């Protein structure tokens, strides 16, 4: 066995806790060898990544911000449905971490059908309009056609016409054309 082979073997057998410690130590971009190690750990590292995010959500000073972004990205790539509730909290509490909502939304979209019920439940439960808009954006591109998604997107169109129109276009529902035309006809004209 060459030294390189021995190093690669250690990469694939690192404990989830060791991987998360290594994530916390990253100041910038995630080094590709560490990313490969985390992905190779698969489902075993998911609880540790979730715990990292939960600690950050509980106390925005508890974890390095870069580690949170890396954890969100890895959870989306790993595609484990256990991450959905935590990713939804990241999407909801974007004000805690400047810019964490877009990668959380991307991770939820990657999860697609596995994130559907959680996103719909969160949409129904919240009265926070920005969170609803972010959820609608996830639902519009999660790769599932469902009457409940369509209803959320039409509601978004009524509340936030610009976003709702984009989300309906991304969703790709032909019957939305009539709803869009009617909505645009009722909007006030601006000079």
N, C-alpha and C. Protein backbone atom coordinates (compact mmCIF):
# COMPACT_ATOMS: atom_id res chain seq x y z
N UNK A 1 0.84 -1.17 0.00
CA UNK A 1 0.00 0.00 0.00
C UNK A 1 0.90 1.24 0.00
N UNK A 2 0.62 2.15 -0.90
CA UNK A 2 1.40 3.38 -0.99
C UNK A 2 0.89 4.36 0.06
N UNK A 3 1.67 5.37 0.41
CA UNK A 3 1.19 6.39 1.35
C UNK A 3 -0.10 7.04 0.86
N UNK A 4 -0.21 7.24 -0.44
CA UNK A 4 -1.43 7.86 -0.99
C UNK A 4 -2.63 6.95 -0.76
N UNK A 5 -2.46 5.62 -0.99
CA UNK A 5 -3.55 4.69 -0.76
C UNK A 5 -3.97 4.72 0.71
N UNK A 6 -2.99 4.77 1.60
CA UNK A 6 -3.28 4.79 3.02
C UNK A 6 -4.07 6.06 3.37
N UNK A 7 -3.66 7.21 2.77
CA UNK A 7 -4.36 8.47 3.02
C UNK A 7 -5.81 8.38 2.54
N UNK A 8 -6.03 7.84 1.34
CA UNK A 8 -7.39 7.72 0.81
C UNK A 8 -8.24 6.84 1.70
N UNK A 9 -7.64 5.77 2.26
CA UNK A 9 -8.37 4.88 3.13
C UNK A 9 -8.84 5.62 4.39
N UNK A 10 -7.97 6.47 4.93
CA UNK A 10 -8.35 7.26 6.09
C UNK A 10 -9.48 8.23 5.75
N UNK A 11 -9.46 8.77 4.55
CA UNK A 11 -10.50 9.72 4.15
C UNK A 11 -11.87 9.08 4.20
N UNK A 12 -11.99 7.85 3.77
CA UNK A 12 -13.31 7.22 3.68
C UNK A 12 -13.76 6.65 5.01
N UNK A 13 -12.87 6.54 6.01
CA UNK A 13 -13.28 5.94 7.27
C UNK A 13 -13.31 6.95 8.42
N UNK A 14 -13.17 8.23 8.14
CA UNK A 14 -13.22 9.25 9.20
C UNK A 14 -14.60 9.22 9.85
N UNK A 15 -14.64 9.43 11.14
CA UNK A 15 -15.91 9.44 11.86
C UNK A 15 -16.70 10.69 11.49
N UNK A 16 -18.03 10.63 11.60
CA UNK A 16 -18.83 11.83 11.33
C UNK A 16 -18.40 13.02 12.20
N UNK A 17 -18.07 12.75 13.45
CA UNK A 17 -17.65 13.83 14.34
C UNK A 17 -16.34 14.45 13.87
N UNK A 18 -15.41 13.62 13.40
CA UNK A 18 -14.15 14.14 12.88
C UNK A 18 -14.38 14.97 11.62
N UNK A 19 -15.29 14.53 10.79
CA UNK A 19 -15.60 15.28 9.57
C UNK A 19 -16.19 16.65 9.92
N UNK A 20 -17.09 16.68 10.88
CA UNK A 20 -17.69 17.96 11.28
C UNK A 20 -16.65 18.87 11.92
N UNK A 21 -15.74 18.31 12.70
CA UNK A 21 -14.65 19.13 13.26
C UNK A 21 -13.83 19.74 12.12
N UNK A 22 -13.56 18.96 11.10
CA UNK A 22 -12.81 19.46 9.94
C UNK A 22 -13.60 20.55 9.21
N UNK A 23 -14.92 20.38 9.11
CA UNK A 23 -15.76 21.41 8.48
C UNK A 23 -15.68 22.72 9.26
N UNK A 24 -15.73 22.62 10.58
CA UNK A 24 -15.67 23.82 11.41
C UNK A 24 -14.36 24.59 11.23
N UNK A 25 -13.32 23.89 10.87
CA UNK A 25 -12.00 24.51 10.72
C UNK A 25 -11.82 25.20 9.37
N UNK A 26 -12.76 25.02 8.44
CA UNK A 26 -12.63 25.61 7.11
C UNK A 26 -13.07 27.06 7.14
N UNK A 27 -12.21 27.92 6.65
CA UNK A 27 -12.51 29.35 6.64
C UNK A 27 -13.15 29.79 5.33
N UNK A 28 -12.79 29.14 4.25
CA UNK A 28 -13.31 29.55 2.95
C UNK A 28 -14.00 28.39 2.27
N UNK A 29 -13.60 28.18 1.03
CA UNK A 29 -14.20 27.10 0.23
C UNK A 29 -13.88 25.75 0.85
N UNK A 30 -14.78 24.84 0.68
CA UNK A 30 -14.61 23.48 1.20
C UNK A 30 -13.62 22.74 0.31
N UNK A 31 -12.50 22.28 0.88
CA UNK A 31 -11.53 21.54 0.06
C UNK A 31 -12.16 20.26 -0.50
N UNK A 32 -11.86 19.98 -1.74
CA UNK A 32 -12.46 18.83 -2.41
C UNK A 32 -12.21 17.51 -1.68
N UNK A 33 -11.01 17.27 -1.14
CA UNK A 33 -10.83 15.99 -0.40
C UNK A 33 -11.78 15.86 0.80
N UNK A 34 -12.01 16.95 1.51
CA UNK A 34 -12.93 16.90 2.64
C UNK A 34 -14.36 16.70 2.16
N UNK A 35 -14.71 17.35 1.08
CA UNK A 35 -16.06 17.16 0.50
C UNK A 35 -16.26 15.70 0.13
N UNK A 36 -15.26 15.11 -0.53
CA UNK A 36 -15.36 13.69 -0.91
C UNK A 36 -15.51 12.79 0.31
N UNK A 37 -14.78 13.11 1.38
CA UNK A 37 -14.87 12.32 2.61
C UNK A 37 -16.29 12.39 3.18
N UNK A 38 -16.84 13.59 3.22
CA UNK A 38 -18.19 13.75 3.76
C UNK A 38 -19.21 12.99 2.92
N UNK A 39 -19.08 13.10 1.61
CA UNK A 39 -20.02 12.40 0.73
C UNK A 39 -19.84 10.90 0.82
N UNK A 40 -18.60 10.44 0.98
CA UNK A 40 -18.34 9.01 1.13
C UNK A 40 -18.94 8.48 2.43
N UNK A 41 -19.00 9.32 3.46
CA UNK A 41 -19.59 8.90 4.73
C UNK A 41 -21.10 8.69 4.58
N UNK A 42 -21.71 9.35 3.61
CA UNK A 42 -23.12 9.14 3.30
C UNK A 42 -24.05 9.41 4.47
N UNK A 43 -25.01 8.50 4.65
CA UNK A 43 -26.04 8.67 5.67
C UNK A 43 -25.46 8.77 7.08
N UNK A 44 -24.28 8.23 7.30
CA UNK A 44 -23.69 8.25 8.64
C UNK A 44 -23.34 9.66 9.11
N UNK A 45 -23.03 10.56 8.17
CA UNK A 45 -22.64 11.92 8.56
C UNK A 45 -23.84 12.85 8.66
N UNK A 46 -24.99 12.45 8.17
CA UNK A 46 -26.17 13.32 8.15
C UNK A 46 -26.55 13.82 9.54
N UNK A 47 -26.66 12.95 10.57
CA UNK A 47 -27.01 13.48 11.90
C UNK A 47 -26.01 14.50 12.43
N UNK A 48 -24.73 14.32 12.17
CA UNK A 48 -23.72 15.27 12.63
C UNK A 48 -23.87 16.61 11.90
N UNK A 49 -24.17 16.57 10.60
CA UNK A 49 -24.38 17.81 9.85
C UNK A 49 -25.64 18.53 10.34
N UNK A 50 -26.69 17.77 10.61
CA UNK A 50 -27.93 18.35 11.14
C UNK A 50 -27.66 18.99 12.50
N UNK A 51 -26.91 18.30 13.36
CA UNK A 51 -26.58 18.84 14.69
C UNK A 51 -25.79 20.13 14.57
N UNK A 52 -24.88 20.20 13.62
CA UNK A 52 -24.11 21.41 13.38
C UNK A 52 -25.04 22.58 13.02
N UNK A 53 -25.97 22.33 12.12
CA UNK A 53 -26.91 23.38 11.72
C UNK A 53 -27.83 23.76 12.88
N UNK A 54 -28.31 22.78 13.62
CA UNK A 54 -29.21 23.07 14.75
C UNK A 54 -28.50 23.93 15.78
N UNK A 55 -27.23 23.64 16.04
CA UNK A 55 -26.47 24.46 16.99
C UNK A 55 -26.35 25.89 16.48
N UNK A 56 -26.13 26.04 15.19
CA UNK A 56 -26.04 27.38 14.60
C UNK A 56 -27.37 28.11 14.64
N UNK A 57 -28.46 27.40 14.45
CA UNK A 57 -29.78 28.02 14.51
C UNK A 57 -30.15 28.42 15.93
N UNK A 58 -29.70 27.64 16.90
CA UNK A 58 -29.99 27.94 18.30
C UNK A 58 -29.18 29.13 18.80
N UNK A 59 -27.98 29.29 18.28
CA UNK A 59 -27.10 30.37 18.70
C UNK A 59 -26.24 30.75 17.50
N UNK A 60 -26.52 31.91 16.92
CA UNK A 60 -25.83 32.27 15.67
C UNK A 60 -24.33 32.49 15.85
N UNK A 61 -23.84 32.46 17.09
CA UNK A 61 -22.40 32.57 17.33
C UNK A 61 -21.77 31.21 17.64
N UNK A 62 -22.59 30.16 17.70
CA UNK A 62 -22.11 28.85 18.14
C UNK A 62 -21.22 28.16 17.11
N UNK A 63 -21.47 28.40 15.86
CA UNK A 63 -20.75 27.69 14.79
C UNK A 63 -20.19 28.69 13.79
N UNK A 64 -19.05 28.36 13.20
CA UNK A 64 -18.52 29.23 12.12
C UNK A 64 -19.50 29.26 10.95
N UNK A 65 -19.74 30.44 10.44
CA UNK A 65 -20.73 30.60 9.37
C UNK A 65 -20.40 29.74 8.14
N UNK A 66 -19.12 29.66 7.79
CA UNK A 66 -18.74 28.84 6.64
C UNK A 66 -19.12 27.39 6.81
N UNK A 67 -18.98 26.87 8.03
CA UNK A 67 -19.34 25.47 8.29
C UNK A 67 -20.83 25.25 8.07
N UNK A 68 -21.65 26.24 8.40
CA UNK A 68 -23.09 26.11 8.19
C UNK A 68 -23.42 26.03 6.70
N UNK A 69 -22.78 26.86 5.91
CA UNK A 69 -23.01 26.83 4.46
C UNK A 69 -22.56 25.49 3.88
N UNK A 70 -21.41 25.00 4.34
CA UNK A 70 -20.92 23.70 3.86
C UNK A 70 -21.88 22.58 4.25
N UNK A 71 -22.41 22.64 5.48
CA UNK A 71 -23.33 21.61 5.94
C UNK A 71 -24.61 21.60 5.10
N UNK A 72 -25.14 22.77 4.80
CA UNK A 72 -26.35 22.86 3.97
C UNK A 72 -26.08 22.25 2.59
N UNK A 73 -24.97 22.63 1.99
CA UNK A 73 -24.62 22.10 0.68
C UNK A 73 -24.48 20.58 0.70
N UNK A 74 -23.79 20.07 1.70
CA UNK A 74 -23.59 18.62 1.80
C UNK A 74 -24.90 17.89 2.03
N UNK A 75 -25.77 18.44 2.86
CA UNK A 75 -27.07 17.79 3.10
C UNK A 75 -27.89 17.74 1.82
N UNK A 76 -27.85 18.79 1.04
CA UNK A 76 -28.56 18.76 -0.24
C UNK A 76 -27.99 17.71 -1.18
N UNK A 77 -26.67 17.64 -1.25
CA UNK A 77 -26.02 16.67 -2.13
C UNK A 77 -26.27 15.24 -1.66
N UNK A 78 -26.25 15.03 -0.35
CA UNK A 78 -26.48 13.68 0.19
C UNK A 78 -27.93 13.24 -0.02
N UNK A 79 -28.86 14.20 -0.06
CA UNK A 79 -30.25 13.89 -0.39
C UNK A 79 -31.00 13.07 0.65
N UNK A 80 -30.68 13.25 1.91
CA UNK A 80 -31.33 12.49 2.98
C UNK A 80 -32.51 13.29 3.52
N UNK A 81 -33.70 12.69 3.52
CA UNK A 81 -34.91 13.38 3.94
C UNK A 81 -34.88 13.80 5.41
N UNK A 82 -34.02 13.21 6.22
CA UNK A 82 -33.92 13.62 7.63
C UNK A 82 -33.51 15.08 7.75
N UNK A 83 -32.91 15.64 6.72
CA UNK A 83 -32.44 17.03 6.76
C UNK A 83 -33.55 18.04 6.51
N UNK A 84 -34.69 17.61 6.02
CA UNK A 84 -35.74 18.55 5.61
C UNK A 84 -36.15 19.51 6.72
N UNK A 85 -36.48 19.05 7.93
CA UNK A 85 -36.91 20.02 8.97
C UNK A 85 -35.84 21.08 9.27
N UNK A 86 -34.60 20.68 9.32
CA UNK A 86 -33.53 21.63 9.62
C UNK A 86 -33.31 22.59 8.45
N UNK A 87 -33.36 22.08 7.23
CA UNK A 87 -33.22 22.95 6.07
C UNK A 87 -34.37 23.95 6.00
N UNK A 88 -35.56 23.52 6.39
CA UNK A 88 -36.69 24.45 6.43
C UNK A 88 -36.46 25.55 7.46
N UNK A 89 -35.87 25.23 8.60
CA UNK A 89 -35.56 26.26 9.59
C UNK A 89 -34.50 27.22 9.05
N UNK A 90 -33.54 26.71 8.31
CA UNK A 90 -32.54 27.59 7.69
C UNK A 90 -33.22 28.53 6.69
N UNK A 91 -34.17 28.01 5.95
CA UNK A 91 -34.90 28.82 4.97
C UNK A 91 -35.75 29.87 5.68
N UNK A 92 -36.32 29.50 6.81
CA UNK A 92 -37.19 30.41 7.54
C UNK A 92 -36.42 31.52 8.24
N UNK A 93 -35.26 31.20 8.80
CA UNK A 93 -34.51 32.15 9.62
C UNK A 93 -33.33 32.73 8.86
N UNK A 94 -33.55 33.16 7.66
CA UNK A 94 -32.47 33.71 6.84
C UNK A 94 -31.83 34.93 7.46
N UNK A 95 -32.58 35.66 8.30
CA UNK A 95 -32.02 36.87 8.90
C UNK A 95 -30.89 36.56 9.87
N UNK A 96 -30.81 35.32 10.37
CA UNK A 96 -29.71 34.95 11.28
C UNK A 96 -28.38 34.85 10.55
N UNK A 97 -28.42 34.35 9.33
CA UNK A 97 -27.20 34.10 8.57
C UNK A 97 -27.39 34.70 7.19
N UNK A 98 -26.69 35.76 6.93
CA UNK A 98 -26.83 36.45 5.66
C UNK A 98 -26.55 35.49 4.51
N UNK A 99 -27.60 35.18 3.76
CA UNK A 99 -27.42 34.38 2.56
C UNK A 99 -27.55 32.89 2.73
N UNK A 100 -27.99 32.37 3.88
CA UNK A 100 -28.13 30.92 4.05
C UNK A 100 -29.40 30.39 3.38
N UNK A 101 -30.39 31.25 3.18
CA UNK A 101 -31.65 30.80 2.57
C UNK A 101 -31.46 30.27 1.15
N UNK A 102 -30.71 30.93 0.27
CA UNK A 102 -30.57 30.38 -1.09
C UNK A 102 -29.96 28.97 -1.14
N UNK A 103 -28.88 28.68 -0.40
CA UNK A 103 -28.40 27.30 -0.44
C UNK A 103 -29.36 26.32 0.23
N UNK A 104 -30.10 26.77 1.25
CA UNK A 104 -31.09 25.89 1.87
C UNK A 104 -32.21 25.60 0.87
N UNK A 105 -32.63 26.60 0.13
CA UNK A 105 -33.65 26.39 -0.90
C UNK A 105 -33.15 25.44 -1.98
N UNK A 106 -31.90 25.62 -2.39
CA UNK A 106 -31.32 24.72 -3.40
C UNK A 106 -31.26 23.28 -2.88
N UNK A 107 -30.90 23.12 -1.61
CA UNK A 107 -30.84 21.77 -1.03
C UNK A 107 -32.23 21.15 -0.99
N UNK A 108 -33.23 21.92 -0.61
CA UNK A 108 -34.61 21.40 -0.58
C UNK A 108 -35.10 21.04 -1.98
N UNK A 109 -34.76 21.87 -2.97
CA UNK A 109 -35.15 21.55 -4.35
C UNK A 109 -34.48 20.26 -4.81
N UNK A 110 -33.22 20.06 -4.41
CA UNK A 110 -32.51 18.84 -4.77
C UNK A 110 -33.19 17.63 -4.15
N UNK A 111 -33.68 17.78 -2.93
CA UNK A 111 -34.40 16.68 -2.27
C UNK A 111 -35.72 16.39 -2.98
N UNK A 112 -36.26 17.37 -3.69
CA UNK A 112 -37.46 17.18 -4.50
C UNK A 112 -38.62 16.56 -3.76
N UNK A 113 -39.10 15.41 -4.23
CA UNK A 113 -40.27 14.78 -3.62
C UNK A 113 -40.12 14.50 -2.12
N UNK A 114 -38.90 14.27 -1.66
CA UNK A 114 -38.68 14.01 -0.23
C UNK A 114 -38.95 15.25 0.61
N UNK A 115 -38.85 16.43 0.02
CA UNK A 115 -39.08 17.68 0.75
C UNK A 115 -40.52 18.19 0.61
N UNK A 116 -41.29 17.59 -0.28
CA UNK A 116 -42.61 18.11 -0.62
C UNK A 116 -43.52 18.29 0.59
N UNK A 117 -43.75 17.24 1.36
CA UNK A 117 -44.71 17.33 2.47
C UNK A 117 -44.24 18.32 3.53
N UNK A 118 -42.95 18.34 3.82
CA UNK A 118 -42.43 19.29 4.79
C UNK A 118 -42.61 20.73 4.34
N UNK A 119 -42.35 20.99 3.06
CA UNK A 119 -42.51 22.34 2.51
C UNK A 119 -43.98 22.77 2.52
N UNK A 120 -44.87 21.86 2.14
CA UNK A 120 -46.29 22.19 2.14
C UNK A 120 -46.80 22.45 3.55
N UNK A 121 -46.35 21.64 4.51
CA UNK A 121 -46.78 21.83 5.90
C UNK A 121 -46.26 23.16 6.43
N UNK A 122 -45.01 23.49 6.13
CA UNK A 122 -44.44 24.77 6.59
C UNK A 122 -45.19 25.93 5.96
N UNK A 123 -45.53 25.82 4.69
CA UNK A 123 -46.27 26.87 4.00
C UNK A 123 -47.63 27.09 4.68
N UNK A 124 -48.30 26.01 5.01
CA UNK A 124 -49.62 26.11 5.63
C UNK A 124 -49.54 26.68 7.05
N UNK A 125 -48.45 26.44 7.75
CA UNK A 125 -48.35 26.81 9.17
C UNK A 125 -47.87 28.25 9.39
N UNK A 126 -47.13 28.81 8.43
CA UNK A 126 -46.52 30.12 8.68
C UNK A 126 -47.41 31.27 8.20
N UNK A 127 -47.24 32.38 8.86
CA UNK A 127 -47.86 33.61 8.39
C UNK A 127 -46.80 34.60 7.92
N UNK A 128 -45.55 34.19 7.98
CA UNK A 128 -44.41 35.02 7.57
C UNK A 128 -44.34 35.03 6.04
N UNK A 129 -44.65 36.16 5.42
CA UNK A 129 -44.77 36.22 3.96
C UNK A 129 -43.47 35.94 3.22
N UNK A 130 -42.35 36.43 3.75
CA UNK A 130 -41.08 36.17 3.07
C UNK A 130 -40.77 34.67 3.07
N UNK A 131 -41.05 34.01 4.19
CA UNK A 131 -40.83 32.57 4.27
C UNK A 131 -41.76 31.85 3.29
N UNK A 132 -43.01 32.28 3.22
CA UNK A 132 -43.95 31.68 2.26
C UNK A 132 -43.43 31.85 0.83
N UNK A 133 -42.90 33.03 0.53
CA UNK A 133 -42.37 33.26 -0.82
C UNK A 133 -41.19 32.33 -1.11
N UNK A 134 -40.30 32.16 -0.12
CA UNK A 134 -39.16 31.26 -0.32
C UNK A 134 -39.63 29.82 -0.49
N UNK A 135 -40.63 29.41 0.30
CA UNK A 135 -41.18 28.06 0.16
C UNK A 135 -41.81 27.86 -1.21
N UNK A 136 -42.53 28.85 -1.68
CA UNK A 136 -43.15 28.76 -3.01
C UNK A 136 -42.08 28.58 -4.08
N UNK A 137 -40.96 29.28 -3.91
CA UNK A 137 -39.85 29.13 -4.86
C UNK A 137 -39.30 27.71 -4.86
N UNK A 138 -39.20 27.10 -3.69
CA UNK A 138 -38.75 25.71 -3.61
C UNK A 138 -39.77 24.80 -4.28
N UNK A 139 -41.03 24.98 -3.93
CA UNK A 139 -42.08 24.11 -4.47
C UNK A 139 -42.18 24.22 -5.99
N UNK A 140 -41.93 25.41 -6.53
CA UNK A 140 -42.07 25.58 -7.98
C UNK A 140 -41.04 24.78 -8.77
N UNK A 141 -39.93 24.41 -8.11
CA UNK A 141 -38.86 23.70 -8.82
C UNK A 141 -38.46 22.39 -8.14
N UNK A 142 -39.39 21.77 -7.42
CA UNK A 142 -39.02 20.53 -6.73
C UNK A 142 -39.27 19.30 -7.60
N UNK A 143 -39.74 19.50 -8.82
CA UNK A 143 -39.90 18.38 -9.74
C UNK A 143 -41.15 17.55 -9.54
N UNK A 144 -42.12 18.10 -8.80
CA UNK A 144 -43.36 17.38 -8.53
C UNK A 144 -44.52 18.27 -8.98
N UNK A 145 -45.50 17.68 -9.64
CA UNK A 145 -46.74 18.40 -9.96
C UNK A 145 -47.81 17.89 -9.02
N UNK A 146 -48.39 18.81 -8.26
CA UNK A 146 -49.34 18.47 -7.22
C UNK A 146 -50.31 19.64 -7.11
N UNK A 147 -51.57 19.35 -6.95
CA UNK A 147 -52.57 20.41 -6.87
C UNK A 147 -52.29 21.37 -5.71
N UNK A 148 -51.74 20.85 -4.62
CA UNK A 148 -51.43 21.70 -3.47
C UNK A 148 -50.33 22.70 -3.80
N UNK A 149 -49.36 22.29 -4.61
CA UNK A 149 -48.30 23.21 -5.03
C UNK A 149 -48.90 24.31 -5.90
N UNK A 150 -49.73 23.91 -6.84
CA UNK A 150 -50.36 24.88 -7.73
C UNK A 150 -51.13 25.92 -6.92
N UNK A 151 -51.86 25.48 -5.90
CA UNK A 151 -52.63 26.41 -5.05
C UNK A 151 -51.69 27.38 -4.33
N UNK A 152 -50.57 26.89 -3.83
CA UNK A 152 -49.60 27.77 -3.16
C UNK A 152 -49.04 28.79 -4.13
N UNK A 153 -48.76 28.36 -5.35
CA UNK A 153 -48.18 29.27 -6.34
C UNK A 153 -49.18 30.33 -6.78
N UNK A 154 -50.44 29.95 -6.92
CA UNK A 154 -51.47 30.95 -7.27
C UNK A 154 -51.63 31.94 -6.12
N UNK A 155 -51.60 31.45 -4.89
CA UNK A 155 -51.68 32.34 -3.74
C UNK A 155 -50.49 33.29 -3.71
N UNK A 156 -49.32 32.78 -4.03
CA UNK A 156 -48.12 33.63 -4.09
C UNK A 156 -48.28 34.69 -5.16
N UNK A 157 -48.85 34.33 -6.28
CA UNK A 157 -49.09 35.29 -7.36
C UNK A 157 -49.98 36.44 -6.87
N UNK A 158 -51.01 36.11 -6.09
CA UNK A 158 -51.91 37.15 -5.58
C UNK A 158 -51.22 38.04 -4.56
N UNK A 159 -50.32 37.47 -3.77
CA UNK A 159 -49.64 38.21 -2.71
C UNK A 159 -48.43 38.98 -3.24
N UNK A 160 -47.65 38.32 -4.08
CA UNK A 160 -46.40 38.88 -4.60
C UNK A 160 -46.35 38.59 -6.11
N UNK A 161 -47.01 39.43 -6.91
CA UNK A 161 -47.18 39.11 -8.34
C UNK A 161 -45.89 38.78 -9.10
N UNK A 162 -44.83 39.53 -8.86
CA UNK A 162 -43.60 39.28 -9.62
C UNK A 162 -43.05 37.88 -9.33
N UNK A 163 -42.94 37.55 -8.05
CA UNK A 163 -42.44 36.22 -7.68
C UNK A 163 -43.39 35.13 -8.12
N UNK A 164 -44.67 35.34 -7.85
CA UNK A 164 -45.66 34.32 -8.21
C UNK A 164 -45.66 34.01 -9.69
N UNK A 165 -45.53 35.03 -10.52
CA UNK A 165 -45.49 34.82 -11.98
C UNK A 165 -44.27 33.99 -12.36
N UNK A 166 -43.12 34.33 -11.79
CA UNK A 166 -41.91 33.56 -12.08
C UNK A 166 -42.06 32.11 -11.62
N UNK A 167 -42.60 31.93 -10.41
CA UNK A 167 -42.73 30.58 -9.89
C UNK A 167 -43.70 29.74 -10.72
N UNK A 168 -44.80 30.36 -11.15
CA UNK A 168 -45.74 29.63 -12.00
C UNK A 168 -45.09 29.27 -13.34
N UNK A 169 -44.29 30.15 -13.87
CA UNK A 169 -43.59 29.85 -15.13
C UNK A 169 -42.60 28.70 -14.93
N UNK A 170 -41.87 28.71 -13.81
CA UNK A 170 -40.93 27.62 -13.53
C UNK A 170 -41.66 26.30 -13.32
N UNK A 171 -42.81 26.37 -12.70
CA UNK A 171 -43.60 25.18 -12.42
C UNK A 171 -44.10 24.52 -13.70
N UNK A 172 -44.47 25.35 -14.68
CA UNK A 172 -44.83 24.83 -15.99
C UNK A 172 -46.22 24.24 -16.10
N UNK A 173 -47.19 24.91 -15.55
CA UNK A 173 -48.59 24.47 -15.60
C UNK A 173 -49.34 25.31 -16.62
N UNK A 174 -49.84 24.69 -17.68
CA UNK A 174 -50.49 25.42 -18.77
C UNK A 174 -51.70 26.23 -18.30
N UNK A 175 -52.47 25.69 -17.36
CA UNK A 175 -53.68 26.42 -16.92
C UNK A 175 -53.34 27.71 -16.18
N UNK A 176 -52.07 27.87 -15.79
CA UNK A 176 -51.66 29.09 -15.11
C UNK A 176 -51.71 30.30 -16.03
N UNK A 177 -51.70 30.08 -17.34
CA UNK A 177 -51.73 31.21 -18.29
C UNK A 177 -52.96 32.07 -18.08
N UNK A 178 -54.13 31.46 -17.87
CA UNK A 178 -55.35 32.24 -17.65
C UNK A 178 -55.27 33.02 -16.34
N UNK A 179 -54.74 32.40 -15.30
CA UNK A 179 -54.60 33.06 -14.00
C UNK A 179 -53.62 34.22 -14.12
N UNK A 180 -52.52 34.01 -14.83
CA UNK A 180 -51.54 35.07 -15.02
C UNK A 180 -52.15 36.24 -15.80
N UNK A 181 -52.86 35.95 -16.88
CA UNK A 181 -53.47 37.01 -17.69
C UNK A 181 -54.46 37.81 -16.86
N UNK A 182 -55.29 37.13 -16.09
CA UNK A 182 -56.27 37.82 -15.25
C UNK A 182 -55.57 38.69 -14.21
N UNK A 183 -54.54 38.16 -13.58
CA UNK A 183 -53.80 38.91 -12.55
C UNK A 183 -53.16 40.15 -13.15
N UNK A 184 -52.53 40.00 -14.30
CA UNK A 184 -51.87 41.15 -14.92
C UNK A 184 -52.88 42.20 -15.39
N UNK A 185 -54.06 41.74 -15.81
CA UNK A 185 -55.11 42.70 -16.22
C UNK A 185 -55.60 43.52 -15.04
N UNK A 186 -55.54 42.97 -13.83
CA UNK A 186 -56.07 43.69 -12.66
C UNK A 186 -55.02 44.54 -11.95
N UNK A 187 -53.76 44.39 -12.31
CA UNK A 187 -52.72 45.18 -11.65
C UNK A 187 -52.79 46.63 -12.12
N UNK A 188 -52.52 47.57 -11.20
CA UNK A 188 -52.53 48.98 -11.61
C UNK A 188 -51.34 49.27 -12.54
N UNK A 189 -51.59 50.12 -13.51
CA UNK A 189 -50.52 50.51 -14.43
C UNK A 189 -49.66 51.59 -13.79
N UNK A 190 -48.35 51.50 -14.05
CA UNK A 190 -47.42 52.52 -13.55
C UNK A 190 -46.83 53.26 -14.75
N UNK A 191 -46.56 54.54 -14.55
CA UNK A 191 -45.94 55.31 -15.63
C UNK A 191 -44.53 54.81 -15.87
